[in-house]
Structure formats: structure tokens, C-alpha cells
PDB file of N, CA and C in Angstrom:
ATOM      1  N   MET A   1      -8.224  85.669  30.247  1.00  0.00           N
ATOM      2  CA  MET A   1      -8.715  86.395  29.420  1.00  0.00           C
ATOM      3  C   MET A   1      -9.439  87.018  29.087  1.00  0.00           C
ATOM      4  N   ARG A   2      -9.410  88.427  29.065  1.00  0.00           N
ATOM      5  CA  ARG A   2     -10.551  89.648  28.525  1.00  0.00           C
ATOM      6  C   ARG A   2     -11.773  89.809  27.060  1.00  0.00           C
ATOM      7  N   ASP A   3     -12.651  89.204  27.729  1.00  0.00           N
ATOM      8  CA  ASP A   3     -13.000  90.012  26.208  1.00  0.00           C
ATOM      9  C   ASP A   3     -13.111  91.058  24.772  1.00  0.00           C
ATOM     10  N   LEU A   4     -13.207  90.870  23.965  1.00  0.00           N
ATOM     11  CA  LEU A   4     -12.728  91.495  23.394  1.00  0.00           C
ATOM     12  C   LEU A   4     -14.180  92.948  23.243  1.00  0.00           C
ATOM     13  N   ASP A   5     -13.760  93.971  23.365  1.00  0.00           N
ATOM     14  CA  ASP A   5     -14.618  94.791  23.081  1.00  0.00           C
ATOM     15  C   ASP A   5     -14.234  95.856  22.135  1.00  0.00           C
ATOM     16  N   GLU A   6     -14.689  96.639  21.923  1.00  0.00           N
ATOM     17  CA  GLU A   6     -14.653  98.007  20.815  1.00  0.00           C
ATOM     18  C   GLU A   6     -13.467  98.283  20.209  1.00  0.00           C
ATOM     19  N   SER A   7     -12.963  98.841  22.125  1.00  0.00           N
ATOM     20  CA  SER A   7     -11.806  99.560  21.470  1.00  0.00           C
ATOM     21  C   SER A   7     -10.304  98.821  20.995  1.00  0.00           C
ATOM     22  N   HIS A   8     -10.704  97.499  21.271  1.00  0.00           N
ATOM     23  CA  HIS A   8      -9.620  95.968  20.734  1.00  0.00           C
ATOM     24  C   HIS A   8     -10.546  95.914  19.252  1.00  0.00           C
ATOM     25  N   LEU A   9     -11.305  95.514  18.589  1.00  0.00           N
ATOM     26  CA  LEU A   9     -11.293  95.862  17.191  1.00  0.00           C
ATOM     27  C   LEU A   9     -11.290  96.820  16.896  1.00  0.00           C
ATOM     28  N   ALA A  10     -11.073  98.025  17.036  1.00  0.00           N
ATOM     29  CA  ALA A  10     -10.837  99.012  16.596  1.00  0.00           C
ATOM     30  C   ALA A  10      -9.329  99.054  16.876  1.00  0.00           C
ATOM     31  N   LEU A  11      -8.452  99.200  17.319  1.00  0.00           N
ATOM     32  CA  LEU A  11      -7.259  98.555  17.155  1.00  0.00           C
ATOM     33  C   LEU A  11      -6.956  97.851  16.510  1.00  0.00           C
ATOM     34  N   ALA A  12      -7.482  96.588  16.539  1.00  0.00           N
ATOM     35  CA  ALA A  12      -7.295  95.412  15.260  1.00  0.00           C
ATOM     36  C   ALA A  12      -7.087  95.935  14.063  1.00  0.00           C
ATOM     37  N   CYS A  13      -8.492  97.100  13.680  1.00  0.00           N
ATOM     38  CA  CYS A  13      -8.663  97.170  12.587  1.00  0.00           C
ATOM     39  C   CYS A  13      -7.907  98.573  12.542  1.00  0.00           C
ATOM     40  N   ILE A  14      -7.748  99.137  12.236  1.00  0.00           N
ATOM     41  CA  ILE A  14      -6.940 100.402  12.896  1.00  0.00           C
ATOM     42  C   ILE A  14      -5.689 100.052  12.212  1.00  0.00           C
ATOM     43  N   THR A  15      -4.985  98.646  13.127  1.00  0.00           N
ATOM     44  CA  THR A  15      -3.810  98.033  13.085  1.00  0.00           C
ATOM     45  C   THR A  15      -3.125  97.552  11.450  1.00  0.00           C
ATOM     46  N   ASP A  16      -4.262  96.153  10.928  1.00  0.00           N
ATOM     47  CA  ASP A  16      -4.480  95.655   9.574  1.00  0.00           C
ATOM     48  C   ASP A  16      -4.714  97.407   8.819  1.00  0.00           C
ATOM     49  N   ALA A  17      -5.673  98.700   8.539  1.00  0.00           N
ATOM     50  CA  ALA A  17      -5.301  99.153   7.709  1.00  0.00           C
ATOM     51  C   ALA A  17      -4.110 100.165   7.487  1.00  0.00           C
ATOM     52  N   VAL A  18      -3.025 100.535   8.687  1.00  0.00           N
ATOM     53  CA  VAL A  18      -1.447 101.061   8.478  1.00  0.00           C
ATOM     54  C   VAL A  18      -0.704 100.047   7.394  1.00  0.00           C
ATOM     55  N   PHE A  19      -1.494  98.537   8.115  1.00  0.00           N
ATOM     56  CA  PHE A  19      -0.473  97.434   7.922  1.00  0.00           C
ATOM     57  C   PHE A  19      -0.606  97.571   6.087  1.00  0.00           C
ATOM     58  N   CYS A  20      -1.628  97.777   6.286  1.00  0.00           N
ATOM     59  CA  CYS A  20      -1.651  97.298   3.884  1.00  0.00           C
ATOM     60  C   CYS A  20      -1.747  98.539   3.465  1.00  0.00           C
ATOM     61  N   SER A  21      -1.115  99.897   4.564  1.00  0.00           N
ATOM     62  CA  SER A  21      -0.876 100.936   3.219  1.00  0.00           C
ATOM     63  C   SER A  21       0.517 100.992   3.088  1.00  0.00           C
ATOM     64  N   ASP A  22       0.566 102.398   2.397  1.00  0.00           N
ATOM     65  CA  ASP A  22       1.517 102.751   2.269  1.00  0.00           C
ATOM     66  C   ASP A  22       2.443 103.429   2.445  1.00  0.00           C
ATOM     67  N   LEU A  23       2.089 104.229   3.936  1.00  0.00           N
ATOM     68  CA  LEU A  23       2.563 104.394   4.841  1.00  0.00           C
ATOM     69  C   LEU A  23       4.323 103.951   5.466  1.00  0.00           C
ATOM     70  N   GLU A  24       5.511 104.154   6.018  1.00  0.00           N
ATOM     71  CA  GLU A  24       6.818 103.672   6.152  1.00  0.00           C
ATOM     72  C   GLU A  24       6.635 103.209   7.575  1.00  0.00           C
ATOM     73  N   ALA A  25       7.504 101.859   7.601  1.00  0.00           N
ATOM     74  CA  ALA A  25       7.971 102.246   9.292  1.00  0.00           C
ATOM     75  C   ALA A  25       8.406 103.181   9.925  1.00  0.00           C
ATOM     76  N   GLY A  26       8.173 103.656  10.689  1.00  0.00           N
ATOM     77  CA  GLY A  26       8.874 105.034  11.658  1.00  0.00           C
ATOM     78  C   GLY A  26       8.269 105.602  11.075  1.00  0.00           C
ATOM     79  N   ALA A  27       7.930 106.111  10.851  1.00  0.00           N
ATOM     80  CA  ALA A  27       7.913 107.884  10.051  1.00  0.00           C
ATOM     81  C   ALA A  27       6.657 108.277  11.135  1.00  0.00           C
ATOM     82  N   VAL A  28       7.028 110.055  11.470  1.00  0.00           N
ATOM     83  CA  VAL A  28       6.796 109.997  11.921  1.00  0.00           C
ATOM     84  C   VAL A  28       4.725 110.724  11.185  1.00  0.00           C
ATOM     85  N   LEU A  29       4.214 110.459  11.761  1.00  0.00           N
ATOM     86  CA  LEU A  29       2.474 110.632  11.543  1.00  0.00           C
ATOM     87  C   LEU A  29       1.807 112.138  11.462  1.00  0.00           C
ATOM     88  N   THR A  30       0.423 112.737  11.075  1.00  0.00           N
ATOM     89  CA  THR A  30      -0.157 112.928  10.715  1.00  0.00           C
ATOM     90  C   THR A  30      -1.392 112.594  10.720  1.00  0.00           C
ATOM     91  N   ARG A  31      -2.238 113.583  11.438  1.00  0.00           N
ATOM     92  CA  ARG A  31      -3.792 112.921  12.052  1.00  0.00           C
ATOM     93  C   ARG A  31      -3.797 112.385  10.004  1.00  0.00           C
ATOM     94  N   SER A  32      -3.206 113.627   9.539  1.00  0.00           N
ATOM     95  CA  SER A  32      -4.705 113.806   7.614  1.00  0.00           C
ATOM     96  C   SER A  32      -3.524 112.524   7.240  1.00  0.00           C
ATOM     97  N   GLN A  33      -2.079 112.181   7.733  1.00  0.00           N
ATOM     98  CA  GLN A  33      -0.980 110.924   6.895  1.00  0.00           C
ATOM     99  C   GLN A  33      -2.168 109.298   7.404  1.00  0.00           C
ATOM    100  N   VAL A  34      -2.511 109.770   8.143  1.00  0.00           N
ATOM    101  CA  VAL A  34      -2.843 108.675   8.753  1.00  0.00           C
ATOM    102  C   VAL A  34      -4.379 108.144   8.028  1.00  0.00           C
ATOM    103  N   GLY A  35      -5.516 108.839   8.420  1.00  0.00           N
ATOM    104  CA  GLY A  35      -6.693 109.237   7.659  1.00  0.00           C
ATOM    105  C   GLY A  35      -6.667 108.419   6.783  1.00  0.00           C
ATOM    106  N   ARG A  36      -6.209 109.056   5.353  1.00  0.00           N
ATOM    107  CA  ARG A  36      -5.600 109.191   4.326  1.00  0.00           C
ATOM    108  C   ARG A  36      -5.531 107.536   4.128  1.00  0.00           C
ATOM    109  N   ALA A  37      -4.435 107.309   5.023  1.00  0.00           N
ATOM    110  CA  ALA A  37      -4.502 105.528   4.320  1.00  0.00           C
ATOM    111  C   ALA A  37      -4.895 104.612   4.815  1.00  0.00           C
ATOM    112  N   VAL A  38      -5.989 104.708   5.870  1.00  0.00           N
ATOM    113  CA  VAL A  38      -6.722 104.125   6.831  1.00  0.00           C
ATOM    114  C   VAL A  38      -7.680 104.581   5.239  1.00  0.00           C
ATOM    115  N   SER A  39      -8.003 104.994   4.954  1.00  0.00           N
ATOM    116  CA  SER A  39      -8.868 104.789   3.773  1.00  0.00           C
ATOM    117  C   SER A  39      -9.091 104.406   2.538  1.00  0.00           C
ATOM    118  N   GLY A  40      -7.127 104.765   1.788  1.00  0.00           N
ATOM    119  CA  GLY A  40      -6.603 104.210   0.946  1.00  0.00           C
ATOM    120  C   GLY A  40      -6.575 102.712   1.424  1.00  0.00           C
ATOM    121  N   ALA A  41      -6.355 101.983   2.237  1.00  0.00           N
ATOM    122  CA  ALA A  41      -6.364 100.456   2.581  1.00  0.00           C
ATOM    123  C   ALA A  41      -7.523 100.296   2.751  1.00  0.00           C
ATOM    124  N   LEU A  42      -8.434 100.941   3.154  1.00  0.00           N
ATOM    125  CA  LEU A  42      -9.558 100.301   3.081  1.00  0.00           C
ATOM    126  C   LEU A  42     -10.518 100.236   1.329  1.00  0.00           C
ATOM    127  N   ARG A  43     -10.182 101.043   0.386  1.00  0.00           N
ATOM    128  CA  ARG A  43     -10.483 101.228  -1.010  1.00  0.00           C
ATOM    129  C   ARG A  43     -10.699 100.467  -1.371  1.00  0.00           C
ATOM    130  N   ALA A  44      -8.842  99.593  -1.490  1.00  0.00           N
ATOM    131  CA  ALA A  44      -7.256  98.881  -2.023  1.00  0.00           C
ATOM    132  C   ALA A  44      -8.174  97.231  -2.106  1.00  0.00           C
ATOM    133  N   HIS A  45      -7.991  97.744  -0.898  1.00  0.00           N
ATOM    134  CA  HIS A  45      -8.858  95.969  -0.830  1.00  0.00           C
ATOM    135  C   HIS A  45     -10.205  95.812  -0.112  1.00  0.00           C
ATOM    136  N   ARG A  46     -11.168  97.084  -0.341  1.00  0.00           N
ATOM    137  CA  ARG A  46     -12.613  96.496  -0.457  1.00  0.00           C
ATOM    138  C   ARG A  46     -13.213  96.110   1.310  1.00  0.00           C
ATOM    139  N   ASP A  47     -12.619  96.164   1.944  1.00  0.00           N
ATOM    140  CA  ASP A  47     -13.875  95.447   3.394  1.00  0.00           C
ATOM    141  C   ASP A  47     -12.252  95.592   4.443  1.00  0.00           C
ATOM    142  N   TRP A  48     -12.699  95.932   5.621  1.00  0.00           N
ATOM    143  CA  TRP A  48     -11.664  94.793   6.772  1.00  0.00           C
ATOM    144  C   TRP A  48     -10.803  93.637   6.739  1.00  0.00           C
ATOM    145  N   ASN A  49     -12.025  92.734   6.474  1.00  0.00           N
ATOM    146  CA  ASN A  49     -11.867  91.392   5.365  1.00  0.00           C
ATOM    147  C   ASN A  49     -11.053  91.323   4.433  1.00  0.00           C
ATOM    148  N   GLY A  50     -10.734  92.028   3.895  1.00  0.00           N
ATOM    149  CA  GLY A  50     -10.206  92.441   3.313  1.00  0.00           C
ATOM    150  C   GLY A  50      -8.158  93.098   3.266  1.00  0.00           C
ATOM    151  N   LEU A  51      -8.471  93.648   4.360  1.00  0.00           N
ATOM    152  CA  LEU A  51      -6.855  93.872   5.038  1.00  0.00           C
ATOM    153  C   LEU A  51      -6.365  92.746   5.702  1.00  0.00           C
ATOM    154  N   THR A  52      -8.136  91.917   6.480  1.00  0.00           N
ATOM    155  CA  THR A  52      -7.129  90.543   7.160  1.00  0.00           C
ATOM    156  C   THR A  52      -5.996  89.471   6.714  1.00  0.00           C
ATOM    157  N   ARG A  53      -6.675  89.428   4.751  1.00  0.00           N
ATOM    158  CA  ARG A  53      -6.317  88.342   5.027  1.00  0.00           C
ATOM    159  C   ARG A  53      -5.072  89.195   3.542  1.00  0.00           C
ATOM    160  N   VAL A  54      -4.635  89.893   3.774  1.00  0.00           N
ATOM    161  CA  VAL A  54      -3.250  90.819   3.369  1.00  0.00           C
ATOM    162  C   VAL A  54      -2.315  90.012   4.348  1.00  0.00           C
ATOM    163  N   VAL A  55      -2.246  90.698   5.451  1.00  0.00           N
ATOM    164  CA  VAL A  55      -2.264  90.860   7.004  1.00  0.00           C
ATOM    165  C   VAL A  55      -1.651  89.399   7.676  1.00  0.00           C
ATOM    166  N   ARG A  56      -2.196  88.871   7.449  1.00  0.00           N
ATOM    167  CA  ARG A  56      -2.245  86.619   6.551  1.00  0.00           C
ATOM    168  C   ARG A  56      -1.209  86.246   6.096  1.00  0.00           C
ATOM    169  N   ALA A  57      -1.470  86.655   4.599  1.00  0.00           N
ATOM    170  CA  ALA A  57      -0.750  86.253   3.062  1.00  0.00           C
ATOM    171  C   ALA A  57       0.882  86.447   4.681  1.00  0.00           C
ATOM    172  N   ALA A  58       1.003  88.071   4.330  1.00  0.00           N
ATOM    173  CA  ALA A  58       2.080  89.171   4.923  1.00  0.00           C
ATOM    174  C   ALA A  58       3.006  88.403   5.719  1.00  0.00           C
ATOM    175  N   PHE A  59       2.564  87.528   6.511  1.00  0.00           N
ATOM    176  CA  PHE A  59       2.844  86.182   7.662  1.00  0.00           C
ATOM    177  C   PHE A  59       3.542  85.020   7.032  1.00  0.00           C
ATOM    178  N   ALA A  60       2.577  85.153   6.313  1.00  0.00           N
ATOM    179  CA  ALA A  60       2.910  83.201   5.750  1.00  0.00           C
ATOM    180  C   ALA A  60       3.898  83.970   4.924  1.00  0.00           C
ATOM    181  N   GLU A  61       4.649  84.819   3.989  1.00  0.00           N
ATOM    182  CA  GLU A  61       5.382  84.653   2.881  1.00  0.00           C
ATOM    183  C   GLU A  61       7.205  85.272   3.837  1.00  0.00           C
ATOM    184  N   ALA A  62       6.989  86.154   4.887  1.00  0.00           N
ATOM    185  CA  ALA A  62       7.595  86.333   5.571  1.00  0.00           C
ATOM    186  C   ALA A  62       7.269  87.447   6.701  1.00  0.00           C
ATOM    187  N   PRO A  63       7.704  85.866   7.827  1.00  0.00           N
ATOM    188  CA  PRO A  63       6.686  86.418   9.532  1.00  0.00           C
ATOM    189  C   PRO A  63       7.520  86.979  10.148  1.00  0.00           C
ATOM    190  N   GLU A  64       8.899  87.268   9.525  1.00  0.00           N
ATOM    191  CA  GLU A  64       9.883  88.425  10.421  1.00  0.00           C
ATOM    192  C   GLU A  64       9.177  89.860  10.312  1.00  0.00           C
ATOM    193  N   GLU A  65       9.387  90.262   8.811  1.00  0.00           N
ATOM    194  CA  GLU A  65       9.544  91.073   8.381  1.00  0.00           C
ATOM    195  C   GLU A  65       8.063  91.921   8.960  1.00  0.00           C
ATOM    196  N   ALA A  66       6.778  91.044   8.514  1.00  0.00           N
ATOM    197  CA  ALA A  66       5.433  91.490   8.817  1.00  0.00           C
ATOM    198  C   ALA A  66       5.376  91.846  10.102  1.00  0.00           C
ATOM    199  N   ALA A  67       5.840  90.622  11.620  1.00  0.00           N
ATOM    200  CA  ALA A  67       5.972  91.366  12.761  1.00  0.00           C
ATOM    201  C   ALA A  67       6.837  92.440  13.471  1.00  0.00           C
ATOM    202  N   SER A  68       7.870  92.621  12.250  1.00  0.00           N
ATOM    203  CA  SER A  68       8.292  93.855  12.750  1.00  0.00           C
ATOM    204  C   SER A  68       7.462  95.500  11.998  1.00  0.00           C
ATOM    205  N   ARG A  69       6.298  95.067  11.492  1.00  0.00           N
ATOM    206  CA  ARG A  69       5.687  96.311  10.451  1.00  0.00           C
ATOM    207  C   ARG A  69       3.803  95.933  11.571  1.00  0.00           C
ATOM    208  N   GLU A  70       3.822  95.002  11.656  1.00  0.00           N
ATOM    209  CA  GLU A  70       3.189  94.865  13.073  1.00  0.00           C
ATOM    210  C   GLU A  70       3.105  95.604  13.828  1.00  0.00           C
ATOM    211  N   ARG A  71       3.807  95.294  14.440  1.00  0.00           N
ATOM    212  CA  ARG A  71       4.127  96.395  15.405  1.00  0.00           C
ATOM    213  C   ARG A  71       4.613  97.955  15.964  1.00  0.00           C
ATOM    214  N   TRP A  72       5.168  97.817  14.320  1.00  0.00           N
ATOM    215  CA  TRP A  72       5.112  99.336  14.339  1.00  0.00           C
ATOM    216  C   TRP A  72       3.536  99.962  14.536  1.00  0.00           C
ATOM    217  N   CYS A  73       2.572  99.562  13.254  1.00  0.00           N
ATOM    218  CA  CYS A  73       1.624  99.486  12.324  1.00  0.00           C
ATOM    219  C   CYS A  73       0.626  99.866  14.121  1.00  0.00           C
ATOM    220  N   ARG A  74       0.526  99.020  15.435  1.00  0.00           N
ATOM    221  CA  ARG A  74       0.134  98.864  16.268  1.00  0.00           C
ATOM    222  C   ARG A  74       0.055 100.086  17.360  1.00  0.00           C
ATOM    223  N   GLN A  75       1.109 100.321  16.981  1.00  0.00           N
ATOM    224  CA  GLN A  75       1.953 101.577  17.610  1.00  0.00           C
ATOM    225  C   GLN A  75       0.750 102.509  17.115  1.00  0.00           C
ATOM    226  N   VAL A  76       1.413 103.027  15.724  1.00  0.00           N
ATOM    227  CA  VAL A  76       0.690 103.788  15.053  1.00  0.00           C
ATOM    228  C   VAL A  76      -0.913 103.747  15.363  1.00  0.00           C
ATOM    229  N   ALA A  77      -1.984 103.252  16.007  1.00  0.00           N
ATOM    230  CA  ALA A  77      -3.080 102.839  16.421  1.00  0.00           C
ATOM    231  C   ALA A  77      -3.093 103.348  17.492  1.00  0.00           C
ATOM    232  N   GLU A  78      -2.273 102.376  18.354  1.00  0.00           N
ATOM    233  CA  GLU A  78      -2.041 102.892  19.735  1.00  0.00           C
ATOM    234  C   GLU A  78      -2.609 103.908  20.226  1.00  0.00           C
ATOM    235  N   ALA A  79      -1.388 105.219  19.499  1.00  0.00           N
ATOM    236  CA  ALA A  79      -1.531 106.609  19.774  1.00  0.00           C
ATOM    237  C   ALA A  79      -3.328 107.432  18.524  1.00  0.00           C
ATOM    238  N   VAL A  80      -3.745 106.807  17.859  1.00  0.00           N
ATOM    239  CA  VAL A  80      -5.155 106.820  17.197  1.00  0.00           C
ATOM    240  C   VAL A  80      -5.697 106.763  18.295  1.00  0.00           C
ATOM    241  N   LEU A  81      -5.704 105.840  19.192  1.00  0.00           N
ATOM    242  CA  LEU A  81      -6.237 105.929  19.606  1.00  0.00           C
ATOM    243  C   LEU A  81      -6.740 105.977  20.787  1.00  0.00           C
ATOM    244  N   SER A  82      -5.229 106.417  22.187  1.00  0.00           N
ATOM    245  CA  SER A  82      -5.106 107.341  22.969  1.00  0.00           C
ATOM    246  C   SER A  82      -5.239 108.749  22.342  1.00  0.00           C
ATOM    247  N   GLY A  83      -5.381 108.887  21.494  1.00  0.00           N
ATOM    248  CA  GLY A  83      -5.737 110.868  20.655  1.00  0.00           C
ATOM    249  C   GLY A  83      -4.420 111.476  20.642  1.00  0.00           C
ATOM    250  N   ASP A  84      -3.215 110.833  20.293  1.00  0.00           N
ATOM    251  CA  ASP A  84      -2.565 111.488  20.472  1.00  0.00           C
ATOM    252  C   ASP A  84      -2.185 111.541  18.903  1.00  0.00           C
ATOM    253  N   ILE A  85      -2.702 110.553  18.237  1.00  0.00           N
ATOM    254  CA  ILE A  85      -2.877 111.088  16.645  1.00  0.00           C
ATOM    255  C   ILE A  85      -4.662 111.164  16.341  1.00  0.00           C
ATOM    256  N   ALA A  86      -4.951 112.782  16.268  1.00  0.00           N
ATOM    257  CA  ALA A  86      -6.893 111.725  16.320  1.00  0.00           C
ATOM    258  C   ALA A  86      -6.948 111.679  14.513  1.00  0.00           C
ATOM    259  N   LEU A  87      -7.536 111.298  14.925  1.00  0.00           N
ATOM    260  CA  LEU A  87      -7.933 110.568  13.361  1.00  0.00           C
ATOM    261  C   LEU A  87      -9.188 110.809  12.328  1.00  0.00           C
ATOM    262  N   ASN A  88      -8.915 111.310  11.252  1.00  0.00           N
ATOM    263  CA  ASN A  88     -10.283 112.599  10.566  1.00  0.00           C
ATOM    264  C   ASN A  88     -11.235 110.424   9.918  1.00  0.00           C
ATOM    265  N   CYS A  89     -12.042 110.573  10.923  1.00  0.00           N
ATOM    266  CA  CYS A  89     -12.279 109.241   9.859  1.00  0.00           C
ATOM    267  C   CYS A  89     -13.365 109.839   8.857  1.00  0.00           C
ATOM    268  N   ASP A  90     -13.811 110.956   7.647  1.00  0.00           N
ATOM    269  CA  ASP A  90     -14.454 111.261   7.118  1.00  0.00           C
ATOM    270  C   ASP A  90     -13.980 110.917   5.774  1.00  0.00           C
ATOM    271  N   GLY A  91     -14.774 110.195   5.137  1.00  0.00           N
ATOM    272  CA  GLY A  91     -14.465 109.177   3.725  1.00  0.00           C
ATOM    273  C   GLY A  91     -13.807 107.957   3.205  1.00  0.00           C
ATOM    274  N   PHE A  92     -13.749 107.922   5.484  1.00  0.00           N
ATOM    275  CA  PHE A  92     -14.050 106.303   4.932  1.00  0.00           C
ATOM    276  C   PHE A  92     -14.498 105.633   3.642  1.00  0.00           C
ATOM    277  N   PHE A  93     -15.235 104.796   3.250  1.00  0.00           N
ATOM    278  CA  PHE A  93     -16.053 104.685   3.170  1.00  0.00           C
ATOM    279  C   PHE A  93     -16.650 105.220   1.967  1.00  0.00           C
ATOM    280  N   ASP A  94     -16.366 106.089   1.815  1.00  0.00           N
ATOM    281  CA  ASP A  94     -16.702 106.116  -0.090  1.00  0.00           C
ATOM    282  C   ASP A  94     -15.962 105.923  -0.727  1.00  0.00           C
TER     283      ASP A  94
END
């Protein structure tokens, strides 16, 4: 088992934020769209823990739907972290 490092935590945080956003699964996204979605999700749910609670509730209510969305959100987060989608972090905590 690998230790969690900052990249794993960043992947989890971005995935949860995209999951809690209003972005539609399968959409082709721009840097601005992802940045606004992450920022908006953080504001709406107050912090990373709030996002995690929403994701957990979604899995409890509709596990198959949540799993499908989570897979897409993880792909978005991986694209952000690989540089395929450049994420502008300005204003995340405004």
C-alpha cells in the first residue's frame, strides 16, 4: 500500500469538488469551467469536509449513480493534475 501524499489528497479534493458541482458528466471542460465549479462547490458546502459529506450521502442514496459520476469526476481531476486542464486556483476561498 502506498502512502498518501499531496497528489493523492489533491486528486481526492478536486474529485469531490467536481462531484458536488453542477458540471454535467461527460462534458468537455475548460479551465475556467472547472475553476468556477470547484470554487462554487467549496463555497456552497463551506469546505472540503462538506464536500465529502455530500459525496458520502450520494453513495448512500444511489450508489450506482454516484459511482458513475465519481468515475467521471476522477477523470476530470486527473486531467487537472496532469496539466491537460489547467486549473486557476484564484478565488477558491473568497
